Structures are given as C-alpha cells and as structure tokens.
Amino acid sequence: MNNSIRKIDISKNIDKLETDWKDILNNKDTLNFIENINENLNNEIDKFEGFTRVFPEERNIFNAFNYFNIRSTKVCIIGQDCYHKKNQAHGLCFSVHEGIQIPPSLKNIYKELHSDIGFKIPSHGNLTQWAEQGILMLNASLTVRESSPNSHCKHWEPYTNYIIKMLSDSTNNIIFILWGNYAKNKKKLINIDKHYILEANHPSPLSANRPGWFGCKHFSKCNEILELLKKEPIDWQII
C-alpha cells in the first residue's frame, strides 16, 4: 500500500494557491505551526509506511482556500475532522467526492435544507458549488490518518485556530456557522462585534436527533443576513 502523501512540505502546497489566502497561511507568524505539522505528519508517514494512508490527497489539503480571496469570504462553516475513508475527503468540510456515498451528517444537512428552503436533495455530496460562492468550508484538522478519526487534530488545531482568528481580525461581516460543541468552542476566536454567528447542534445522527439541529433554519437565516448586508445570497442548491 502506498501513502497518498509522502514527505510533504505544506508551505509548497500553500504556495500553489492562486488566492491571497497564501499570505495568511504562510508567513513569519505561521512558521512554527508549519514546521511542527510537517515534522509530525512526516514522522507518522514513516512510522506507518505500507500499512495506512493519509487523507486527503496532498493537492487537496488546502482546497478550501482555492476559490476566493479572503475579502470575498461571505460565510465560514467550521468542521472538526476530515473524512477518514478512502476517496471521501477533498479538503472541504462535510463534502465528499462525487460517486462516494453521502455521509450521515451530510444527509441530515440536506434534510434540513429541504425543510428550510425546499432544497432538492442531490445524488452526490460534493459541495464545491458552495465554496465557489464564498463559503470557507474549514475543517479544524486538514488531514487525517486512514480509519483513525481525529488522529491529526492535535497537529493542526493551533494552526487552524490562528487562521480563524486572523480571518476574524482582518475582515468584517462574515457569517460563522458553528455546528456542535467543538465548533461552538471556536467562538472565542471570533470578534462577535464584527461578525455574525449561527449556532446549532451537530448534524451527525447522534446529535441531530436531539432538539437543536432540525429546524435551525441556518440556510435561510444566512441568506437573510447576506441580503441585509447587500451581498449576493447563497444558492444552496447542488446540481
């Protein structure tokens, strides 16, 4: 079995971005974060060589930052961890490649969308169309070891916390969508006087079946805020 990532240097992946996110992601303030991530991931790749893989593919680690410049960010959805099975993760939280079974959390997102705005549930779970409209779909951990949920969170969390805080500090009027206690804990990184926050239970089956997810209407509320700000609302429909 070959690793999907070999001896990575995440600075090189950031430098391939064609958006100005690269200035936030790779600078003198992030140097220690990046060095620690590189060391930990490459040590793990050596340790598990031939037995397991790292997801997503290296080219998709920073996929969430590929679609727009930082000032064009309208919405930030914060997830926790990448999907940890083969061919699922491609760098956008809650999203999977086309042709891959729709995960349970995303099924519940689709159900709430249908109830909220009459969303027609698609046959796939690729949410790239949301990212293309200015939604930063950010996982707190940008990689994961195969079949090992949260295996890389400790490596990535200081870095992604920095990114969330820098996004908050350097912009105005972003809608931060926080689903579940893990995401809600990121609220401390966000300037609530400058931004909007929508909070709800996590859409995973365990949490969604308790009060607090279904009926949250975050998708219509998000567009109401964008219209108030005289911004183009999100077309949530996935084709």
C-alpha atoms as a PDB file:
ATOM      1  CA  MET A   1       0.000   0.000   0.000  1.00  0.00           C
ATOM      2  CA  ASN A   2       1.370   3.422  -0.956  1.00  0.00           C
ATOM      3  CA  ASN A   3       0.786   6.546   1.093  1.00  0.00           C
ATOM      4  CA  SER A   4      -1.226   9.259  -0.607  1.00  0.00           C
ATOM      5  CA  ILE A   5       1.207  11.772   0.925  1.00  0.00           C
ATOM      6  CA  ARG A   6       4.989  11.342   1.021  1.00  0.00           C
ATOM      7  CA  LYS A   7       7.424  13.682   2.780  1.00  0.00           C
ATOM      8  CA  ILE A   8       5.243  16.700   2.496  1.00  0.00           C
ATOM      9  CA  ASP A   9       6.110  20.340   2.909  1.00  0.00           C
ATOM     10  CA  ILE A  10       2.820  22.156   3.351  1.00  0.00           C
ATOM     11  CA  SER A  11       4.450  25.509   2.527  1.00  0.00           C
ATOM     12  CA  LYS A  12       4.858  24.282  -1.055  1.00  0.00           C
ATOM     13  CA  ASN A  13       1.165  23.386  -1.204  1.00  0.00           C
ATOM     14  CA  ILE A  14       0.189  26.820   0.094  1.00  0.00           C
ATOM     15  CA  ASP A  15       2.406  28.490  -2.483  1.00  0.00           C
ATOM     16  CA  LYS A  16       0.397  26.811  -5.245  1.00  0.00           C
ATOM     17  CA  LEU A  17      -2.736  28.706  -4.222  1.00  0.00           C
ATOM     18  CA  GLU A  18      -3.812  31.412  -6.657  1.00  0.00           C
ATOM     19  CA  THR A  19      -5.696  33.368  -3.984  1.00  0.00           C
ATOM     20  CA  ASP A  20      -4.350  35.801  -1.416  1.00  0.00           C
ATOM     21  CA  TRP A  21      -5.003  33.298   1.358  1.00  0.00           C
ATOM     22  CA  LYS A  22      -1.370  32.286   0.916  1.00  0.00           C
ATOM     23  CA  ASP A  23      -0.347  35.476   2.725  1.00  0.00           C
ATOM     24  CA  ILE A  24      -2.410  34.442   5.769  1.00  0.00           C
ATOM     25  CA  LEU A  25      -1.438  30.780   5.623  1.00  0.00           C
ATOM     26  CA  ASN A  26       2.300  31.100   5.102  1.00  0.00           C
ATOM     27  CA  ASN A  27       4.167  33.948   6.788  1.00  0.00           C
ATOM     28  CA  LYS A  28       6.631  34.556   9.607  1.00  0.00           C
ATOM     29  CA  ASP A  29       3.866  34.099  12.205  1.00  0.00           C
ATOM     30  CA  THR A  30       2.906  30.646  10.902  1.00  0.00           C
ATOM     31  CA  LEU A  31       6.437  29.279  10.507  1.00  0.00           C
ATOM     32  CA  ASN A  32       6.428  27.309  13.780  1.00  0.00           C
ATOM     33  CA  PHE A  33       2.957  25.905  13.100  1.00  0.00           C
ATOM     34  CA  ILE A  34       4.016  24.703   9.667  1.00  0.00           C
ATOM     35  CA  GLU A  35       7.299  23.205  10.859  1.00  0.00           C
ATOM     36  CA  ASN A  36       5.508  21.253  13.606  1.00  0.00           C
ATOM     37  CA  ILE A  37       2.856  19.948  11.214  1.00  0.00           C
ATOM     38  CA  ASN A  38       5.454  18.863   8.658  1.00  0.00           C
ATOM     39  CA  GLU A  39       7.508  17.079  11.299  1.00  0.00           C
ATOM     40  CA  ASN A  40       4.555  15.274  12.863  1.00  0.00           C
ATOM     41  CA  LEU A  41       2.977  14.205   9.581  1.00  0.00           C
ATOM     42  CA  ASN A  42       6.223  13.003   8.032  1.00  0.00           C
ATOM     43  CA  ASN A  43       7.184  11.093  11.182  1.00  0.00           C
ATOM     44  CA  GLU A  44       3.807   9.384  11.076  1.00  0.00           C
ATOM     45  CA  ILE A  45       4.104   8.570   7.388  1.00  0.00           C
ATOM     46  CA  ASP A  46       7.437   6.859   8.093  1.00  0.00           C
ATOM     47  CA  LYS A  47       6.031   5.026  11.107  1.00  0.00           C
ATOM     48  CA  PHE A  48       3.026   3.611   9.258  1.00  0.00           C
ATOM     49  CA  GLU A  49       4.590   3.153   5.825  1.00  0.00           C
ATOM     50  CA  GLY A  50       2.890   0.342   3.948  1.00  0.00           C
ATOM     51  CA  PHE A  51       0.084  -0.007   6.489  1.00  0.00           C
ATOM     52  CA  THR A  52      -2.045   3.099   6.250  1.00  0.00           C
ATOM     53  CA  ARG A  53      -2.560   6.310   4.307  1.00  0.00           C
ATOM     54  CA  VAL A  54      -3.156   9.975   4.981  1.00  0.00           C
ATOM     55  CA  PHE A  55      -6.182  11.794   3.570  1.00  0.00           C
ATOM     56  CA  PRO A  56      -6.972  13.912   1.639  1.00  0.00           C
ATOM     57  CA  GLU A  57      -4.556  13.765  -1.267  1.00  0.00           C
ATOM     58  CA  GLU A  58      -1.784  16.309  -0.810  1.00  0.00           C
ATOM     59  CA  ARG A  59      -3.115  18.566  -3.580  1.00  0.00           C
ATOM     60  CA  ASN A  60      -6.406  18.911  -1.682  1.00  0.00           C
ATOM     61  CA  ILE A  61      -5.109  19.725   1.807  1.00  0.00           C
ATOM     62  CA  PHE A  62      -5.713  23.463   1.267  1.00  0.00           C
ATOM     63  CA  ASN A  63      -8.592  23.076  -1.170  1.00  0.00           C
ATOM     64  CA  ALA A  64     -10.896  25.242   0.986  1.00  0.00           C
ATOM     65  CA  PHE A  65      -8.732  28.270   0.171  1.00  0.00           C
ATOM     66  CA  ASN A  66      -8.700  27.787  -3.601  1.00  0.00           C
ATOM     67  CA  TYR A  67     -11.925  29.536  -4.582  1.00  0.00           C
ATOM     68  CA  PHE A  68     -11.843  33.186  -3.487  1.00  0.00           C
ATOM     69  CA  ASN A  69      -9.699  35.855  -1.863  1.00  0.00           C
ATOM     70  CA  ILE A  70     -10.007  36.466   1.842  1.00  0.00           C
ATOM     71  CA  ARG A  71     -12.018  39.693   1.421  1.00  0.00           C
ATOM     72  CA  SER A  72     -14.601  37.781  -0.611  1.00  0.00           C
ATOM     73  CA  THR A  73     -15.389  35.407   2.256  1.00  0.00           C
ATOM     74  CA  LYS A  74     -19.116  35.542   2.981  1.00  0.00           C
ATOM     75  CA  VAL A  75     -19.578  32.529   5.234  1.00  0.00           C
ATOM     76  CA  CYS A  76     -17.299  30.245   7.239  1.00  0.00           C
ATOM     77  CA  ILE A  77     -18.540  26.771   8.147  1.00  0.00           C
ATOM     78  CA  ILE A  78     -16.247  25.177  10.722  1.00  0.00           C
ATOM     79  CA  GLY A  79     -15.951  21.393  10.810  1.00  0.00           C
ATOM     80  CA  GLN A  80     -13.759  19.241  13.008  1.00  0.00           C
ATOM     81  CA  ASP A  81     -12.031  16.493  11.067  1.00  0.00           C
ATOM     82  CA  CYS A  82     -11.566  15.160   7.542  1.00  0.00           C
ATOM     83  CA  TYR A  83     -13.425  12.075   6.454  1.00  0.00           C
ATOM     84  CA  HIS A  84     -11.115   9.151   7.124  1.00  0.00           C
ATOM     85  CA  LYS A  85     -12.120   6.599   4.489  1.00  0.00           C
ATOM     86  CA  LYS A  86     -10.662   6.182   1.007  1.00  0.00           C
ATOM     87  CA  ASN A  87     -11.773   8.715  -1.633  1.00  0.00           C
ATOM     88  CA  GLN A  88     -14.029  10.691   0.724  1.00  0.00           C
ATOM     89  CA  ALA A  89     -12.110  13.809   1.785  1.00  0.00           C
ATOM     90  CA  HIS A  90     -11.187  16.529  -0.694  1.00  0.00           C
ATOM     91  CA  GLY A  91     -10.491  19.485   1.566  1.00  0.00           C
ATOM     92  CA  LEU A  92     -13.977  20.931   2.142  1.00  0.00           C
ATOM     93  CA  CYS A  93     -15.706  20.187   5.445  1.00  0.00           C
ATOM     94  CA  PHE A  94     -18.769  17.902   5.203  1.00  0.00           C
ATOM     95  CA  SER A  95     -18.129  17.400   1.461  1.00  0.00           C
ATOM     96  CA  VAL A  96     -17.186  14.208  -0.380  1.00  0.00           C
ATOM     97  CA  HIS A  97     -16.195  13.406  -3.944  1.00  0.00           C
ATOM     98  CA  GLU A  98     -18.949  12.620  -6.401  1.00  0.00           C
ATOM     99  CA  GLY A  99     -19.582   8.893  -6.628  1.00  0.00           C
ATOM    100  CA  ILE A 100     -18.983   8.420  -2.887  1.00  0.00           C
ATOM    101  CA  GLN A 101     -21.866   7.536  -0.592  1.00  0.00           C
ATOM    102  CA  ILE A 102     -23.285  10.619   1.132  1.00  0.00           C
ATOM    103  CA  PRO A 103     -22.186  10.540   4.805  1.00  0.00           C
ATOM    104  CA  PRO A 104     -24.833  10.599   7.577  1.00  0.00           C
ATOM    105  CA  SER A 105     -24.044  14.170   8.710  1.00  0.00           C
ATOM    106  CA  LEU A 106     -24.404  15.490   5.180  1.00  0.00           C
ATOM    107  CA  LYS A 107     -27.667  13.586   4.758  1.00  0.00           C
ATOM    108  CA  ASN A 108     -29.009  15.486   7.755  1.00  0.00           C
ATOM    109  CA  ILE A 109     -27.710  18.774   6.338  1.00  0.00           C
ATOM    110  CA  TYR A 110     -29.632  18.002   3.154  1.00  0.00           C
ATOM    111  CA  LYS A 111     -32.768  17.160   5.151  1.00  0.00           C
ATOM    112  CA  GLU A 112     -32.614  20.484   6.992  1.00  0.00           C
ATOM    113  CA  LEU A 113     -32.008  22.320   3.719  1.00  0.00           C
ATOM    114  CA  HIS A 114     -35.076  20.636   2.243  1.00  0.00           C
ATOM    115  CA  SER A 115     -37.221  21.588   5.229  1.00  0.00           C
ATOM    116  CA  ASP A 116     -35.811  25.124   5.392  1.00  0.00           C
ATOM    117  CA  ILE A 117     -35.752  26.265   1.760  1.00  0.00           C
ATOM    118  CA  GLY A 118     -37.235  23.444  -0.329  1.00  0.00           C
ATOM    119  CA  PHE A 119     -33.786  22.166  -1.343  1.00  0.00           C
ATOM    120  CA  LYS A 120     -33.890  19.295  -3.829  1.00  0.00           C
ATOM    121  CA  ILE A 121     -31.665  16.564  -2.412  1.00  0.00           C
ATOM    122  CA  PRO A 122     -28.956  15.666  -4.962  1.00  0.00           C
ATOM    123  CA  SER A 123     -27.464  12.264  -5.688  1.00  0.00           C
ATOM    124  CA  HIS A 124     -23.962  13.248  -4.510  1.00  0.00           C
ATOM    125  CA  GLY A 125     -22.208  15.059  -1.679  1.00  0.00           C
ATOM    126  CA  ASN A 126     -19.734  17.325  -3.463  1.00  0.00           C
ATOM    127  CA  LEU A 127     -20.213  20.826  -2.005  1.00  0.00           C
ATOM    128  CA  THR A 128     -17.724  22.628  -4.250  1.00  0.00           C
ATOM    129  CA  GLN A 129     -20.549  24.844  -5.543  1.00  0.00           C
ATOM    130  CA  TRP A 130     -20.864  26.325  -2.053  1.00  0.00           C
ATOM    131  CA  ALA A 131     -17.145  27.059  -1.861  1.00  0.00           C
ATOM    132  CA  GLU A 132     -17.303  28.798  -5.244  1.00  0.00           C
ATOM    133  CA  GLN A 133     -19.766  31.305  -3.760  1.00  0.00           C
ATOM    134  CA  GLY A 134     -17.502  32.490  -0.954  1.00  0.00           C
ATOM    135  CA  ILE A 135     -18.097  29.876   1.744  1.00  0.00           C
ATOM    136  CA  LEU A 136     -14.918  28.871   3.576  1.00  0.00           C
ATOM    137  CA  MET A 137     -15.534  25.219   4.427  1.00  0.00           C
ATOM    138  CA  LEU A 138     -12.829  24.780   7.024  1.00  0.00           C
ATOM    139  CA  ASN A 139     -12.004  21.671   8.989  1.00  0.00           C
ATOM    140  CA  ALA A 140     -10.020  22.234  12.188  1.00  0.00           C
ATOM    141  CA  SER A 141      -7.824  19.329  11.076  1.00  0.00           C
ATOM    142  CA  LEU A 142      -6.784  19.429   7.437  1.00  0.00           C
ATOM    143  CA  THR A 143      -5.511  15.834   7.292  1.00  0.00           C
ATOM    144  CA  VAL A 144      -6.357  12.524   8.941  1.00  0.00           C
ATOM    145  CA  ARG A 145      -4.849   9.049   9.148  1.00  0.00           C
ATOM    146  CA  GLU A 146      -6.911   6.408   7.359  1.00  0.00           C
ATOM    147  CA  SER A 147      -9.610   4.862   9.587  1.00  0.00           C
ATOM    148  CA  SER A 148      -8.407   6.933  12.567  1.00  0.00           C
ATOM    149  CA  PRO A 149     -10.812   9.816  13.278  1.00  0.00           C
ATOM    150  CA  ASN A 150      -9.257  12.902  14.884  1.00  0.00           C
ATOM    151  CA  SER A 151      -5.776  11.400  14.554  1.00  0.00           C
ATOM    152  CA  HIS A 152      -4.249  14.674  13.352  1.00  0.00           C
ATOM    153  CA  CYS A 153      -6.305  17.232  15.278  1.00  0.00           C
ATOM    154  CA  LYS A 154      -3.510  17.891  17.753  1.00  0.00           C
ATOM    155  CA  HIS A 155      -1.151  18.666  14.870  1.00  0.00           C
ATOM    156  CA  TRP A 156      -3.439  21.087  13.061  1.00  0.00           C
ATOM    157  CA  GLU A 157      -5.606  22.787  15.677  1.00  0.00           C
ATOM    158  CA  PRO A 158      -3.124  25.532  16.753  1.00  0.00           C
ATOM    159  CA  TYR A 159      -2.677  26.457  13.090  1.00  0.00           C
ATOM    160  CA  THR A 160      -6.364  26.463  12.137  1.00  0.00           C
ATOM    161  CA  ASN A 161      -7.183  28.409  15.304  1.00  0.00           C
ATOM    162  CA  TYR A 162      -4.721  31.023  14.070  1.00  0.00           C
ATOM    163  CA  ILE A 163      -6.449  31.059  10.668  1.00  0.00           C
ATOM    164  CA  ILE A 164      -9.909  31.556  12.217  1.00  0.00           C
ATOM    165  CA  LYS A 165      -8.659  34.399  14.398  1.00  0.00           C
ATOM    166  CA  MET A 166      -6.847  36.075  11.509  1.00  0.00           C
ATOM    167  CA  LEU A 167      -9.980  35.808   9.373  1.00  0.00           C
ATOM    168  CA  SER A 168     -11.991  37.404  12.154  1.00  0.00           C
ATOM    169  CA  ASP A 169      -9.455  40.163  12.807  1.00  0.00           C
ATOM    170  CA  SER A 170      -8.847  41.141   9.184  1.00  0.00           C
ATOM    171  CA  THR A 171     -12.425  41.159   7.839  1.00  0.00           C
ATOM    172  CA  ASN A 172     -15.953  42.286   8.725  1.00  0.00           C
ATOM    173  CA  ASN A 173     -19.465  40.880   8.457  1.00  0.00           C
ATOM    174  CA  ILE A 174     -18.689  37.216   7.918  1.00  0.00           C
ATOM    175  CA  ILE A 175     -21.310  34.682   8.966  1.00  0.00           C
ATOM    176  CA  PHE A 176     -19.650  31.974  11.051  1.00  0.00           C
ATOM    177  CA  ILE A 177     -21.701  28.768  11.159  1.00  0.00           C
ATOM    178  CA  LEU A 178     -20.892  26.624  14.186  1.00  0.00           C
ATOM    179  CA  TRP A 179     -22.466  23.169  14.395  1.00  0.00           C
ATOM    180  CA  GLY A 180     -21.829  21.137  17.539  1.00  0.00           C
ATOM    181  CA  ASN A 181     -19.845  21.841  20.692  1.00  0.00           C
ATOM    182  CA  TYR A 182     -16.460  21.517  19.018  1.00  0.00           C
ATOM    183  CA  ALA A 183     -17.248  24.249  16.504  1.00  0.00           C
ATOM    184  CA  LYS A 184     -19.010  26.381  19.128  1.00  0.00           C
ATOM    185  CA  ASN A 185     -15.781  26.429  21.143  1.00  0.00           C
ATOM    186  CA  LYS A 186     -14.196  28.360  18.269  1.00  0.00           C
ATOM    187  CA  LYS A 187     -16.452  31.290  19.136  1.00  0.00           C
ATOM    188  CA  LYS A 188     -13.727  32.604  21.437  1.00  0.00           C
ATOM    189  CA  LEU A 189     -11.564  33.212  18.353  1.00  0.00           C
ATOM    190  CA  ILE A 190     -14.207  35.339  16.631  1.00  0.00           C
ATOM    191  CA  ASN A 191     -14.915  39.025  17.233  1.00  0.00           C
ATOM    192  CA  ILE A 192     -18.675  38.934  17.746  1.00  0.00           C
ATOM    193  CA  ASP A 193     -18.881  42.719  17.417  1.00  0.00           C
ATOM    194  CA  LYS A 194     -17.715  42.466  13.787  1.00  0.00           C
ATOM    195  CA  HIS A 195     -19.278  39.230  12.625  1.00  0.00           C
ATOM    196  CA  TYR A 196     -22.442  37.128  12.744  1.00  0.00           C
ATOM    197  CA  ILE A 197     -22.623  33.709  14.403  1.00  0.00           C
ATOM    198  CA  LEU A 198     -25.186  30.956  13.828  1.00  0.00           C
ATOM    199  CA  GLU A 199     -25.023  28.029  16.278  1.00  0.00           C
ATOM    200  CA  ALA A 200     -26.802  24.670  16.316  1.00  0.00           C
ATOM    201  CA  ASN A 201     -26.325  21.038  17.272  1.00  0.00           C
ATOM    202  CA  HIS A 202     -24.040  18.993  15.044  1.00  0.00           C
ATOM    203  CA  PRO A 203     -25.841  17.327  12.105  1.00  0.00           C
ATOM    204  CA  SER A 204     -24.430  13.877  12.951  1.00  0.00           C
ATOM    205  CA  PRO A 205     -27.181  11.339  13.702  1.00  0.00           C
ATOM    206  CA  LEU A 206     -26.343  11.214  17.412  1.00  0.00           C
ATOM    207  CA  SER A 207     -26.761  14.975  17.830  1.00  0.00           C
ATOM    208  CA  ALA A 208     -29.264  15.768  15.102  1.00  0.00           C
ATOM    209  CA  ASN A 209     -31.918  13.520  16.604  1.00  0.00           C
ATOM    210  CA  ARG A 210     -31.926  15.689  19.714  1.00  0.00           C
ATOM    211  CA  PRO A 211     -33.544  19.137  19.678  1.00  0.00           C
ATOM    212  CA  GLY A 212     -31.272  21.776  18.213  1.00  0.00           C
ATOM    213  CA  TRP A 213     -30.445  20.714  14.649  1.00  0.00           C
ATOM    214  CA  PHE A 214     -33.616  20.133  12.689  1.00  0.00           C
ATOM    215  CA  GLY A 215     -35.471  23.408  12.476  1.00  0.00           C
ATOM    216  CA  CYS A 216     -32.381  25.596  12.981  1.00  0.00           C
ATOM    217  CA  LYS A 217     -33.039  27.185   9.561  1.00  0.00           C
ATOM    218  CA  HIS A 218     -29.438  28.290   9.225  1.00  0.00           C
ATOM    219  CA  PHE A 219     -29.580  28.365   5.447  1.00  0.00           C
ATOM    220  CA  SER A 220     -32.449  30.820   5.153  1.00  0.00           C
ATOM    221  CA  LYS A 221     -31.091  32.840   8.104  1.00  0.00           C
ATOM    222  CA  CYS A 222     -27.709  33.041   6.409  1.00  0.00           C
ATOM    223  CA  ASN A 223     -29.252  34.465   3.257  1.00  0.00           C
ATOM    224  CA  GLU A 224     -31.357  36.926   5.240  1.00  0.00           C
ATOM    225  CA  ILE A 225     -28.153  38.301   6.779  1.00  0.00           C
ATOM    226  CA  LEU A 226     -26.402  38.458   3.396  1.00  0.00           C
ATOM    227  CA  GLU A 227     -29.324  40.390   1.916  1.00  0.00           C
ATOM    228  CA  LEU A 228     -29.232  42.768   4.888  1.00  0.00           C
ATOM    229  CA  LEU A 229     -25.547  43.315   4.092  1.00  0.00           C
ATOM    230  CA  LYS A 230     -26.441  43.871   0.414  1.00  0.00           C
ATOM    231  CA  LYS A 231     -24.464  40.798  -0.612  1.00  0.00           C
ATOM    232  CA  GLU A 232     -25.491  38.134  -3.073  1.00  0.00           C
ATOM    233  CA  PRO A 233     -27.278  35.332  -1.182  1.00  0.00           C
ATOM    234  CA  ILE A 234     -26.013  31.771  -1.401  1.00  0.00           C
ATOM    235  CA  ASP A 235     -27.591  29.457  -3.930  1.00  0.00           C
ATOM    236  CA  TRP A 236     -27.595  26.371  -1.736  1.00  0.00           C
ATOM    237  CA  GLN A 237     -28.905  24.040  -4.418  1.00  0.00           C
ATOM    238  CA  ILE A 238     -26.354  21.440  -5.510  1.00  0.00           C
ATOM    239  CA  ILE A 239     -26.524  20.348  -9.126  1.00  0.00           C
END
